[in-house]
């Protein structure tokens, strides 16, 4: 009977360890996602800064064109600005794609690890001594007023297993 309590204690300890690991895993992944989000925010901030500088450069170019008397059409100015913006944004765009790929790889790893953990949790089973026939006998004897100790002795199972069956079937 002591061995059955010990095995239940080991089962509870294993489940507790699994829950603690899951909490640690979620915390570390949250920290990783936070770093990635900060990195993306930094890239966006740099992009805004570059846009600001481009606007300043456009103002200066317009002023220079006005001062020199050389007339560029609006279309020429627009194309020049577009080329400059493209040249400045291209490295940022490439980095953003790399970040996106990294996040996707991390998501796939998380999905894989979660499915592995789910598979492991599914493999944890109820003690093998409890069967459907024992459940019916336990319930029947309990309803007849037989004590838990007597039921456990008669069916050669632990008192904890008897209580477990009654709790599962919402009798006690």
Protein backbone atom coordinates (compact mmCIF):
# COMPACT_ATOMS: atom_id res chain seq x y z
CA UNK A 1 0.00 0.00 0.00
CA UNK A 2 2.92 2.38 0.72
CA UNK A 3 4.33 1.65 -2.73
CA UNK A 4 1.10 2.76 -4.36
CA UNK A 5 1.24 6.09 -2.48
CA UNK A 6 4.84 6.52 -3.55
CA UNK A 7 3.95 5.85 -7.19
CA UNK A 8 1.17 8.42 -6.98
CA UNK A 9 3.62 10.87 -5.43
CA UNK A 10 6.05 10.23 -8.28
CA UNK A 11 3.24 10.76 -10.77
CA UNK A 12 2.30 14.06 -9.13
CA UNK A 13 5.97 15.12 -9.02
CA UNK A 14 6.38 14.26 -12.71
CA UNK A 15 3.29 16.23 -13.67
CA UNK A 16 4.46 19.16 -11.52
CA UNK A 17 7.87 19.06 -13.21
CA UNK A 18 6.16 19.01 -16.60
CA UNK A 19 4.03 22.03 -15.71
CA UNK A 20 7.09 23.92 -14.43
CA UNK A 21 8.96 23.10 -17.63
CA UNK A 22 6.03 24.35 -19.72
CA UNK A 23 5.95 27.60 -17.74
CA UNK A 24 9.72 28.03 -18.20
CA UNK A 25 9.41 27.22 -21.91
CA UNK A 26 6.62 29.76 -22.45
CA UNK A 27 8.55 32.41 -20.48
CA UNK A 28 11.71 31.94 -22.56
CA UNK A 29 9.80 31.98 -25.84
CA UNK A 30 7.97 35.14 -24.72
CA UNK A 31 11.33 36.78 -24.03
CA UNK A 32 12.57 35.72 -27.48
CA UNK A 33 9.48 37.14 -29.16
CA UNK A 34 9.88 40.36 -27.20
CA UNK A 35 13.46 40.71 -28.45
CA UNK A 36 12.30 40.08 -32.02
CA UNK A 37 9.53 42.66 -31.69
CA UNK A 38 12.00 45.22 -30.30
CA UNK A 39 14.29 44.48 -33.25
CA UNK A 40 11.45 45.00 -35.72
CA UNK A 41 10.47 48.22 -33.94
CA UNK A 42 14.06 49.43 -34.22
CA UNK A 43 14.05 48.71 -37.96
CA UNK A 44 10.77 50.62 -38.34
CA UNK A 45 12.24 53.52 -36.38
CA UNK A 46 15.29 53.57 -38.66
CA UNK A 47 12.99 53.48 -41.67
CA UNK A 48 11.07 56.51 -40.35
CA UNK A 49 14.34 58.33 -39.76
CA UNK A 50 15.44 57.60 -43.33
CA UNK A 51 12.12 58.86 -44.66
CA UNK A 52 12.58 62.06 -42.67
CA UNK A 53 16.06 62.55 -44.14
CA UNK A 54 14.73 61.87 -47.63
CA UNK A 55 12.07 64.53 -47.16
CA UNK A 56 14.75 66.96 -46.06
CA UNK A 57 16.87 66.05 -49.07
CA UNK A 58 13.87 66.54 -51.34
CA UNK A 59 13.30 70.01 -49.92
CA UNK A 60 16.96 70.86 -50.46
CA UNK A 61 16.88 69.49 -54.01
CA UNK A 62 13.80 71.53 -54.83
CA UNK A 63 15.45 74.62 -53.40
CA UNK A 64 18.64 73.95 -55.39
CA UNK A 65 16.65 73.48 -58.59
CA UNK A 66 14.76 76.68 -57.90
CA UNK A 67 17.98 78.60 -57.14
CA UNK A 68 19.88 77.27 -60.18
CA UNK A 69 17.09 78.05 -62.54
CA UNK A 70 17.25 74.51 -63.90
CA UNK A 71 13.77 73.28 -64.22
CA UNK A 72 13.11 69.67 -63.54
CA UNK A 73 9.65 68.48 -64.16
CA UNK A 74 7.66 67.13 -61.27
CA UNK A 75 7.90 63.69 -62.84
CA UNK A 76 11.72 63.85 -62.94
CA UNK A 77 11.85 64.93 -59.30
CA UNK A 78 9.46 62.17 -58.34
CA UNK A 79 11.57 59.54 -60.14
CA UNK A 80 14.78 60.80 -58.54
CA UNK A 81 13.24 60.69 -55.08
CA UNK A 82 11.82 57.24 -55.79
CA UNK A 83 15.27 55.94 -56.77
CA UNK A 84 16.82 57.39 -53.65
CA UNK A 85 14.12 55.95 -51.42
CA UNK A 86 14.42 52.52 -53.05
CA UNK A 87 18.21 52.52 -52.58
CA UNK A 88 17.84 53.38 -48.90
CA UNK A 89 14.95 51.03 -48.15
CA UNK A 90 16.32 47.96 -49.93
CA UNK A 91 18.72 46.89 -47.09
CA UNK A 92 15.99 47.42 -44.52
CA UNK A 93 13.56 45.35 -46.57
CA UNK A 94 16.07 42.51 -46.81
CA UNK A 95 16.63 42.57 -43.04
CA UNK A 96 12.88 42.58 -42.44
CA UNK A 97 12.50 39.47 -44.61
CA UNK A 98 15.28 37.77 -42.66
CA UNK A 99 13.49 38.57 -39.40
CA UNK A 100 10.25 37.21 -40.83
CA UNK A 101 11.99 33.95 -41.80
CA UNK A 102 13.53 33.70 -38.32
CA UNK A 103 10.14 34.14 -36.67
CA UNK A 104 8.66 31.48 -38.94
CA UNK A 105 11.44 29.01 -38.03
CA UNK A 106 10.88 29.72 -34.33
CA UNK A 107 7.13 29.16 -34.74
CA UNK A 108 7.79 25.80 -36.42
CA UNK A 109 10.14 24.79 -33.60
CA UNK A 110 7.56 25.78 -30.99
CA UNK A 111 4.83 23.80 -32.78
CA UNK A 112 7.11 20.78 -32.95
CA UNK A 113 8.03 20.99 -29.27
CA UNK A 114 4.42 21.51 -28.18
CA UNK A 115 3.29 18.46 -30.17
CA UNK A 116 6.12 16.44 -28.58
CA UNK A 117 5.02 17.56 -25.12
CA UNK A 118 1.37 16.79 -25.92
CA UNK A 119 2.35 13.31 -27.05
CA UNK A 120 4.28 12.79 -23.81
CA UNK A 121 1.37 13.98 -21.71
CA UNK A 122 -1.02 11.64 -23.53
CA UNK A 123 1.24 8.72 -22.66
CA UNK A 124 0.76 9.32 -18.93
CA UNK A 125 -2.00 6.91 -18.00
CA UNK A 126 -4.16 5.95 -15.09
CA UNK A 127 -2.76 3.12 -12.95
CA UNK A 128 -3.19 -0.25 -14.66
CA UNK A 129 -4.99 -1.84 -11.72
CA UNK A 130 -8.07 0.26 -12.36
CA UNK A 131 -10.35 -1.27 -14.99
CA UNK A 132 -13.95 -0.80 -15.99
CA UNK A 133 -15.03 -3.89 -14.05
CA UNK A 134 -13.29 -2.63 -10.91
CA UNK A 135 -14.99 0.75 -11.37
CA UNK A 136 -18.41 -0.87 -11.40
CA UNK A 137 -17.57 -3.02 -8.38
CA UNK A 138 -16.23 -0.01 -6.46
CA UNK A 139 -19.30 2.08 -7.22
CA UNK A 140 -21.66 -0.76 -6.37
CA UNK A 141 -19.95 -1.54 -3.06
CA UNK A 142 -19.76 2.14 -2.11
CA UNK A 143 -23.48 2.61 -2.81
CA UNK A 144 -24.17 -0.39 -0.59
CA UNK A 145 -22.44 1.45 2.23
CA UNK A 146 -19.19 -0.53 2.30
CA UNK A 147 -16.25 1.51 3.65
CA UNK A 148 -13.36 2.58 1.44
CA UNK A 149 -10.89 0.45 3.41
CA UNK A 150 -13.04 -2.66 2.98
CA UNK A 151 -13.48 -2.01 -0.76
CA UNK A 152 -9.74 -1.59 -1.25
CA UNK A 153 -8.98 -4.81 0.65
CA UNK A 154 -11.66 -6.81 -1.13
CA UNK A 155 -10.61 -5.71 -4.62
CA UNK A 156 -6.86 -5.71 -3.80
CA UNK A 157 -6.34 -2.08 -4.78
CA UNK A 158 -5.25 0.96 -2.81
CA UNK A 159 -7.63 3.22 -0.95
CA UNK A 160 -6.39 6.12 -3.10
CA UNK A 161 -7.44 4.24 -6.25
CA UNK A 162 -10.87 3.64 -4.76
CA UNK A 163 -11.19 7.35 -3.97
CA UNK A 164 -9.93 8.20 -7.45
CA UNK A 165 -12.61 6.05 -9.12
CA UNK A 166 -15.32 7.59 -6.96
CA UNK A 167 -14.10 11.11 -7.74
CA UNK A 168 -13.85 10.39 -11.48
CA UNK A 169 -17.43 9.12 -11.46
CA UNK A 170 -18.48 12.13 -9.32
CA UNK A 171 -19.85 9.97 -6.56
CA UNK A 172 -17.73 11.27 -3.72
